[in-house]
Every structure is written in structure tokens, then in C-alpha cells.
Amino acid sequence: MGNKYTKRYTEEFKRDAIALVDSSGQTVTAIARELGISSESLRGWYRRAKADRGEGAPGELTSAEREELRRLRRENREQQQTIEILKKGVPRTREAACGS
């Protein structure tokens, strides 16, 4: 979803960076600076990893839950579009159906 200048990191790189945060005792900002990445990116990865481990804030969704929500919203949107199309194609009255 980022623009053409957004750098993509591998899942392995993200896991290693998160492991550094967990094991080093350094701040997220210090580790991000050391790795040459945005502290906000690392903070987001770390927050999602904690949620996936069940250590996140109350009500925070895991990656699997976020993906399911995304899928269900897409499915709902598609079904709403189908309903709208079908509504337009169904005659409302007997006169409309008979062409009178």
C-alpha cells in the first residue's frame, strides 16, 4: 500500500529485528537506528508480534484476526454490490413485469 519509495523488508528481517528488541534490553529507537530503519516501522512490527503472541493491548487483533476481518469486509462489500445489482434487475410491480 505504500508509495514507490517505500522500502520493503523480508519477514526474516522483521523477525530478527523483533528478536533484538526482545533480547537486547535496548530501546526500539536505538535498535532501529542501529539497523538503519524507521523506529515507527520497528515499533509497529513489535506491537503486532506482541499481539500475535497474546501479549498485546486488550482488544488488539492478531495478524490472523486482522486478515480474517479484511477478508470478511471484502466479502461483505462484494455481496452488497451483488445485492444492488440484483435489486436493479428485479421488477417491483406486476405492471412492470408485464410491460404494461
Foldseek 3Di string as FASTA:
>chain_A
DDDPPDDDDDPVVLVVLLVCCVPVVDDLVVSCVVVVHDSVVNVVSNQQVCVLVVNHDPPDHHPVRVVVVVVVVVVVVVVVVVVVVVVVVDDDDPCVVVVD
